[in-house]
Amino acid sequence: MLFVTLISLISCTKPIPTPAPDTTMYFPSNTDGNWETTSATQLGWNTEAIEDLKTFLVRKNTKSFMILVNGRIVMEEYFNGHSASSDWEWNSAGKTLTSVTTGIAQQEGLLNINDKVSDYLGTGWANMPLEKENMITVRNLLSMTSGISDDSQLVIHRNLTYVADAGTRWAYSNVFQLLMDIDAKAANSNFETYFNDKLKNKIGMEGFWRFGIIFKIYHSNTRSMARFGLLALNRGKWKNEQIISENYFNESITSSQNINPSYGYLWWLNGKAKYMVPRSQYVFQGPLIPNAPSDMYAALGASDQKLYIIPSKKMVIVRMGEASDPDNPTFATSGFDNALWAKINAVIN
């Protein structure tokens, strides 16, 4: 009789259901290291594909990889001697930090992106006729349509030469760095101090700018890049504070011109009909990253630094590391994006 009762109890035992994920938006604390998590199982992901994704990341020289959903960590992986406290360069993914800082300066009434660059830097800042220089606005620097030569990445006076009228040519280059000078002049401060006060400290980022002869590059740990991604996912809002105007942010992740509709204000945009890439005037047909969601916008940097924002999935993805193909380093976009998204899709779909 006891045996029958035990069998009956066992047969009636139901599996414990997996708790549903919390779909409210979460923001980590600015003052401690706590960060809420959720699991791939809770999200209904294909957990068997995670190891294949990790193997791919290691093979492609990745240092860190992170996925947030609704602000909560689902994956946080470190490879090749990297750790949660290690800093790494953002390279051109950091252009988006400048875009947001410029937007903050505009909302504070310190500048207007429709103004001429010379309104802030004075005339003669470029090595071209004054008539052509006066065509270039702050917006042209944000959209990579200044018409300045992109032959050299060294942003010094002798290299700021005329190629085309502002607004008529898209060319990816380092002239965006002039925005840092404009922000500093407008705010009567140095750029890093203004950036730290208005953006970095407000969202609990760690990191620093390294100002070299050629490059101005931000360095941070992986979670700090994820924090910025979370701000971007929420259209400039952090907890209860609208740090950057939502109107400006929406404008920055919208096609900034028709020459390369896959580019906003220093943000790359997926799902458009055509795109261009750095160091080329060729126009490719189709979306920037076919395997990625069409609503994705991204901060992309040399050696495959990636910050993907996917509003439809409430998702932020970070990849930091060495170039996925050391023999073929790229400046922003690369075939690695599409290959990586094939692996991500196997997990999340």
Protein backbone atom coordinates (compact mmCIF):
# COMPACT_ATOMS: atom_id res chain seq x y z
CA MET A 1 0.00 0.00 0.00
CA LEU A 2 2.83 2.37 0.88
CA PHE A 3 4.55 1.48 -2.43
CA VAL A 4 1.40 2.31 -4.39
CA THR A 5 1.05 5.64 -2.57
CA LEU A 6 4.66 6.62 -3.37
CA ILE A 7 4.19 5.73 -7.04
CA SER A 8 1.03 7.79 -7.09
CA LEU A 9 2.79 10.79 -5.56
CA ILE A 10 5.70 10.56 -7.97
CA SER A 11 3.43 10.24 -10.99
CA CYS A 12 1.48 13.32 -9.92
CA THR A 13 4.58 15.48 -9.46
CA LYS A 14 4.67 18.25 -12.08
CA PRO A 15 7.91 19.82 -13.36
CA ILE A 16 8.69 23.17 -11.81
CA PRO A 17 7.92 25.79 -14.47
CA THR A 18 10.66 28.18 -15.57
CA PRO A 19 9.83 31.62 -14.15
CA ALA A 20 8.86 34.19 -16.75
CA PRO A 21 11.45 36.90 -17.40
CA ASP A 22 10.91 40.36 -15.94
CA THR A 23 9.98 42.56 -18.90
CA THR A 24 10.19 45.88 -17.06
CA MET A 25 13.15 48.05 -18.03
CA TYR A 26 16.01 47.84 -15.54
CA PHE A 27 18.90 50.22 -14.97
CA PRO A 28 21.92 49.18 -12.87
CA SER A 29 22.99 51.26 -9.90
CA ASN A 30 25.52 54.02 -10.50
CA THR A 31 27.16 53.44 -7.13
CA ASP A 32 27.73 49.71 -6.74
CA GLY A 33 28.62 46.75 -8.91
CA ASN A 34 25.26 45.01 -8.70
CA TRP A 35 23.52 44.26 -11.99
CA GLU A 36 20.39 42.16 -12.31
CA THR A 37 20.46 39.12 -14.57
CA THR A 38 18.01 36.95 -16.45
CA SER A 39 18.69 33.59 -18.03
CA ALA A 40 18.61 32.37 -21.60
CA THR A 41 16.25 29.63 -20.42
CA GLN A 42 13.79 32.17 -19.02
CA LEU A 43 13.83 33.95 -22.37
CA GLY A 44 13.16 30.71 -24.24
CA TRP A 45 16.45 30.86 -26.14
CA ASN A 46 18.21 27.90 -27.70
CA THR A 47 20.77 27.27 -24.96
CA GLU A 48 22.41 24.48 -26.96
CA ALA A 49 23.66 27.09 -29.46
CA ILE A 50 25.43 29.20 -26.82
CA GLU A 51 28.62 27.10 -26.80
CA ASP A 52 28.89 27.41 -30.58
CA LEU A 53 28.56 31.19 -30.25
CA LYS A 54 31.28 31.28 -27.58
CA THR A 55 33.59 29.09 -29.65
CA PHE A 56 33.11 31.45 -32.59
CA LEU A 57 33.87 34.48 -30.42
CA VAL A 58 37.11 32.96 -29.13
CA ARG A 59 38.18 31.96 -32.64
CA LYS A 60 37.55 35.53 -33.81
CA ASN A 61 39.85 37.12 -31.19
CA THR A 62 37.09 38.43 -28.94
CA LYS A 63 37.97 39.86 -25.52
CA SER A 64 34.46 40.31 -24.15
CA PHE A 65 30.86 39.74 -25.14
CA MET A 66 27.70 40.83 -23.41
CA ILE A 67 23.95 40.70 -24.07
CA LEU A 68 21.35 42.71 -22.15
CA VAL A 69 17.60 42.24 -22.47
CA ASN A 70 15.42 44.85 -20.77
CA GLY A 71 18.64 46.07 -19.17
CA ARG A 72 19.40 42.74 -17.47
CA ILE A 73 22.48 40.68 -18.23
CA VAL A 74 21.79 37.44 -20.11
CA MET A 75 25.36 36.72 -21.25
CA GLU A 76 28.62 38.18 -19.96
CA GLU A 77 31.73 36.42 -21.20
CA TYR A 78 35.43 37.26 -21.06
CA PHE A 79 38.14 35.58 -23.12
CA ASN A 80 41.87 35.61 -23.80
CA GLY A 81 42.95 37.06 -20.45
CA HIS A 82 40.37 39.86 -20.45
CA SER A 83 38.23 40.49 -17.36
CA ALA A 84 35.30 42.57 -16.17
CA SER A 85 37.70 45.25 -14.91
CA SER A 86 39.84 45.39 -18.07
CA ASP A 87 39.71 48.51 -20.24
CA TRP A 88 39.60 48.28 -24.01
CA GLU A 89 39.46 50.84 -26.81
CA TRP A 90 36.16 51.70 -28.46
CA ASN A 91 37.87 53.06 -31.57
CA SER A 92 35.27 54.65 -33.86
CA ALA A 93 32.40 53.20 -31.84
CA GLY A 94 33.23 56.17 -29.59
CA LYS A 95 32.02 58.55 -32.28
CA THR A 96 28.53 57.99 -30.87
CA LEU A 97 29.68 59.39 -27.51
CA THR A 98 30.57 62.60 -29.35
CA SER A 99 27.22 62.61 -31.12
CA VAL A 100 25.34 62.42 -27.82
CA THR A 101 27.59 65.03 -26.15
CA THR A 102 26.97 67.43 -29.04
CA GLY A 103 23.23 66.87 -28.66
CA ILE A 104 23.45 67.66 -24.96
CA ALA A 105 25.29 70.91 -25.73
CA GLN A 106 22.51 71.84 -28.17
CA GLN A 107 19.71 71.12 -25.67
CA GLU A 108 21.54 73.33 -23.16
CA GLY A 109 21.48 76.17 -25.69
CA LEU A 110 25.26 76.21 -26.08
CA LEU A 111 25.25 75.45 -29.82
CA ASN A 112 23.01 74.72 -32.77
CA ILE A 113 23.94 71.94 -35.16
CA ASN A 114 22.67 74.04 -38.08
CA ASP A 115 25.31 76.69 -37.37
CA LYS A 116 28.49 77.00 -39.38
CA VAL A 117 31.55 75.34 -37.86
CA SER A 118 33.32 78.70 -38.14
CA ASP A 119 30.79 80.20 -35.69
CA TYR A 120 32.61 78.18 -33.02
CA LEU A 121 36.12 77.62 -34.36
CA GLY A 122 36.56 80.95 -36.16
CA THR A 123 37.27 81.43 -39.83
CA GLY A 124 40.29 79.77 -41.37
CA TRP A 125 39.91 76.53 -39.44
CA ALA A 126 39.97 74.61 -42.75
CA ASN A 127 42.52 74.70 -45.56
CA MET A 128 40.09 75.83 -48.24
CA PRO A 129 38.51 79.01 -49.66
CA LEU A 130 36.36 80.83 -47.10
CA GLU A 131 33.30 80.45 -49.34
CA LYS A 132 33.60 76.65 -49.16
CA GLU A 133 34.49 76.62 -45.46
CA ASN A 134 31.36 78.62 -44.65
CA MET A 135 29.19 75.92 -46.20
CA ILE A 136 30.19 73.40 -43.54
CA THR A 137 27.86 73.13 -40.57
CA VAL A 138 28.02 71.17 -37.35
CA ARG A 139 25.38 68.88 -38.84
CA ASN A 140 27.72 68.13 -41.76
CA LEU A 141 30.35 66.89 -39.30
CA LEU A 142 27.76 64.71 -37.56
CA SER A 143 26.61 63.16 -40.84
CA MET A 144 30.07 62.81 -42.52
CA THR A 145 29.02 65.18 -45.32
CA SER A 146 31.52 68.01 -44.77
CA GLY A 147 33.07 67.63 -48.22
CA ILE A 148 36.54 67.61 -46.62
CA SER A 149 39.14 65.25 -48.04
CA ASP A 150 39.24 61.82 -46.41
CA ASP A 151 42.73 60.99 -47.77
CA SER A 152 44.30 61.42 -44.33
CA GLN A 153 42.95 60.49 -40.91
CA LEU A 154 45.17 63.12 -39.27
CA VAL A 155 42.92 66.08 -38.47
CA ILE A 156 45.28 69.02 -38.86
CA HIS A 157 44.84 72.24 -40.81
CA ARG A 158 46.81 71.26 -43.91
CA ASN A 159 44.68 68.12 -44.37
CA LEU A 160 41.30 69.87 -44.12
CA THR A 161 41.08 70.46 -47.85
CA TYR A 162 38.10 70.85 -50.16
CA VAL A 163 36.80 67.92 -52.22
CA ALA A 164 33.11 68.72 -52.63
CA ASP A 165 30.51 71.20 -51.42
CA ALA A 166 29.19 70.35 -47.97
CA GLY A 167 26.19 68.07 -48.12
CA THR A 168 26.95 66.65 -51.58
CA ARG A 169 29.40 63.84 -50.66
CA TRP A 170 29.46 61.23 -47.87
CA ALA A 171 32.94 60.18 -46.72
CA TYR A 172 33.88 58.48 -43.46
CA SER A 173 36.83 60.14 -41.73
CA ASN A 174 38.17 61.53 -38.47
CA VAL A 175 36.96 65.10 -39.08
CA PHE A 176 34.21 64.32 -36.58
CA GLN A 177 36.93 65.11 -33.99
CA LEU A 178 36.29 68.78 -34.70
CA LEU A 179 32.99 68.29 -32.86
CA MET A 180 34.99 67.83 -29.66
CA ASP A 181 36.58 71.25 -30.22
CA ILE A 182 33.18 72.77 -30.98
CA ASP A 183 31.61 71.27 -27.84
CA ALA A 184 34.52 72.50 -25.73
CA LYS A 185 34.34 76.04 -27.18
CA ALA A 186 30.56 76.18 -26.77
CA ALA A 187 30.71 74.93 -23.18
CA ASN A 188 33.77 77.02 -22.26
CA SER A 189 35.35 73.83 -20.94
CA ASN A 190 37.61 71.06 -22.13
CA PHE A 191 35.76 68.27 -23.89
CA GLU A 192 36.47 65.47 -21.42
CA THR A 193 35.34 67.52 -18.41
CA TYR A 194 32.08 68.40 -20.16
CA PHE A 195 31.57 64.80 -21.34
CA ASN A 196 32.20 63.41 -17.85
CA ASP A 197 29.82 65.85 -16.19
CA LYS A 198 26.96 65.64 -18.67
CA LEU A 199 27.11 61.99 -19.76
CA LYS A 200 29.65 59.61 -18.23
CA ASN A 201 28.97 60.31 -14.56
CA LYS A 202 25.20 60.42 -14.99
CA ILE A 203 25.01 56.80 -16.15
CA GLY A 204 27.78 55.38 -13.99
CA MET A 205 30.29 54.75 -16.76
CA GLU A 206 33.97 54.25 -16.10
CA GLY A 207 36.63 55.06 -18.67
CA PHE A 208 38.79 57.78 -20.17
CA TRP A 209 39.63 59.49 -23.44
CA ARG A 210 43.09 59.00 -24.91
CA PHE A 211 44.01 61.94 -27.09
CA GLY A 212 46.74 61.04 -29.58
CA ILE A 213 48.19 62.81 -32.58
CA ILE A 214 45.84 61.00 -34.96
CA PHE A 215 43.10 59.44 -32.86
CA LYS A 216 40.87 60.49 -29.98
CA ILE A 217 39.72 57.18 -28.57
CA TYR A 218 37.60 56.24 -25.58
CA HIS A 219 38.63 53.32 -23.36
CA SER A 220 36.38 51.55 -20.87
CA ASN A 221 35.38 48.21 -19.46
CA THR A 222 32.65 46.18 -21.13
CA ARG A 223 29.90 47.07 -18.68
CA SER A 224 30.49 50.78 -19.30
CA MET A 225 29.92 50.30 -23.01
CA ALA A 226 26.78 48.34 -22.12
CA ARG A 227 25.59 51.22 -19.92
CA PHE A 228 25.86 53.59 -22.86
CA GLY A 229 24.02 51.04 -24.99
CA LEU A 230 21.23 50.92 -22.42
CA LEU A 231 20.96 54.72 -22.55
CA ALA A 232 20.74 54.47 -26.34
CA LEU A 233 18.10 51.73 -26.17
CA ASN A 234 15.99 54.09 -24.03
CA ARG A 235 16.41 56.99 -26.46
CA GLY A 236 18.57 59.05 -24.13
CA LYS A 237 16.71 58.33 -20.89
CA TRP A 238 18.45 56.91 -17.81
CA LYS A 239 16.09 55.89 -15.03
CA ASN A 240 13.93 58.99 -14.60
CA GLU A 241 16.23 61.51 -16.27
CA GLN A 242 16.14 62.42 -19.96
CA ILE A 243 19.88 63.00 -20.34
CA ILE A 244 19.76 63.71 -24.05
CA SER A 245 16.73 65.13 -25.81
CA GLU A 246 14.64 62.29 -27.23
CA ASN A 247 13.93 64.36 -30.35
CA TYR A 248 17.64 64.84 -31.01
CA PHE A 249 18.41 61.20 -30.29
CA ASN A 250 15.68 60.01 -32.66
CA GLU A 251 17.08 62.36 -35.29
CA SER A 252 20.56 60.93 -34.73
CA ILE A 253 19.40 57.36 -35.46
CA THR A 254 17.51 58.39 -38.61
CA SER A 255 19.14 58.62 -42.04
CA SER A 256 21.01 61.92 -41.95
CA GLN A 257 21.19 62.25 -45.75
CA ASN A 258 20.25 60.29 -48.89
CA ILE A 259 23.77 59.52 -50.11
CA ASN A 260 24.33 56.88 -47.42
CA PRO A 261 20.98 56.33 -45.69
CA SER A 262 22.63 53.75 -43.42
CA TYR A 263 24.29 56.55 -41.47
CA GLY A 264 22.75 58.91 -38.92
CA TYR A 265 24.66 61.27 -36.65
CA LEU A 266 27.75 59.04 -36.20
CA TRP A 267 25.45 56.01 -35.71
CA TRP A 268 25.26 53.17 -38.25
CA LEU A 269 21.71 52.15 -39.22
CA ASN A 270 20.54 48.76 -40.41
CA GLY A 271 17.57 47.93 -42.62
CA LYS A 272 18.07 50.63 -45.24
CA ALA A 273 18.02 50.12 -49.02
CA LYS A 274 21.69 50.92 -49.54
CA TYR A 275 24.90 51.67 -47.67
CA MET A 276 28.47 52.90 -48.03
CA VAL A 277 31.58 51.88 -46.11
CA PRO A 278 34.73 53.73 -44.98
CA ARG A 279 37.43 54.54 -47.53
CA SER A 280 35.12 53.99 -50.51
CA GLN A 281 32.64 55.92 -52.61
CA TYR A 282 30.94 52.74 -53.83
CA VAL A 283 27.26 52.38 -52.95
CA PHE A 284 26.18 48.85 -51.98
CA GLN A 285 22.57 47.76 -52.36
CA GLY A 286 20.66 46.19 -49.49
CA PRO A 287 20.91 46.48 -45.69
CA LEU A 288 24.18 47.03 -43.86
CA ILE A 289 23.99 43.72 -41.93
CA PRO A 290 21.45 41.38 -43.56
CA ASN A 291 21.39 38.87 -40.68
CA ALA A 292 20.71 41.56 -38.06
CA PRO A 293 17.27 42.97 -37.18
CA SER A 294 16.21 45.75 -39.52
CA ASP A 295 15.56 48.21 -36.68
CA MET A 296 19.08 47.88 -35.26
CA TYR A 297 21.37 50.88 -34.88
CA ALA A 298 24.99 50.47 -33.95
CA ALA A 299 28.26 52.02 -32.82
CA LEU A 300 31.01 50.35 -34.84
CA GLY A 301 34.76 50.74 -34.47
CA ALA A 302 38.00 49.49 -35.98
CA SER A 303 39.13 45.97 -35.06
CA ASP A 304 35.49 44.97 -34.70
CA GLN A 305 34.39 46.91 -31.65
CA LYS A 306 30.61 46.48 -31.70
CA LEU A 307 27.70 48.02 -29.83
CA TYR A 308 24.38 46.83 -31.25
CA ILE A 309 21.04 48.31 -30.14
CA ILE A 310 17.86 46.39 -31.09
CA PRO A 311 14.68 48.16 -29.90
CA SER A 312 12.30 45.42 -31.12
CA LYS A 313 14.04 42.93 -28.84
CA LYS A 314 14.83 45.42 -26.02
CA MET A 315 18.38 44.22 -26.49
CA VAL A 316 21.93 45.61 -26.23
CA ILE A 317 24.94 43.62 -27.42
CA VAL A 318 28.61 44.45 -26.84
CA ARG A 319 31.64 42.87 -28.48
CA MET A 320 35.17 44.09 -27.68
CA GLY A 321 38.45 42.62 -28.83
CA GLU A 322 41.11 42.34 -31.47
CA ALA A 323 40.24 42.35 -35.17
CA SER A 324 38.30 39.24 -36.10
CA ASP A 325 40.62 38.89 -39.11
CA PRO A 326 44.05 40.40 -38.29
CA ASP A 327 45.07 40.17 -41.94
CA ASN A 328 42.06 42.24 -42.97
CA PRO A 329 41.41 44.89 -40.31
CA THR A 330 38.44 47.14 -40.97
CA PHE A 331 37.46 50.62 -39.86
CA ALA A 332 33.84 49.98 -38.86
CA THR A 333 31.63 47.50 -40.70
CA SER A 334 32.93 44.10 -41.79
CA GLY A 335 31.77 40.63 -42.80
CA PHE A 336 32.26 39.72 -39.16
CA ASP A 337 29.01 41.54 -38.30
CA ASN A 338 26.94 39.27 -40.51
CA ALA A 339 28.74 36.10 -39.38
CA LEU A 340 28.33 37.07 -35.73
CA TRP A 341 24.63 37.73 -36.20
CA ALA A 342 24.16 34.28 -37.72
CA LYS A 343 25.52 32.83 -34.48
CA ILE A 344 23.44 35.19 -32.30
CA ASN A 345 20.28 34.33 -34.24
CA ALA A 346 20.86 30.63 -33.60
CA VAL A 347 20.68 31.43 -29.88
CA ILE A 348 17.91 34.02 -29.62
CA ASN A 349 15.45 32.87 -32.31
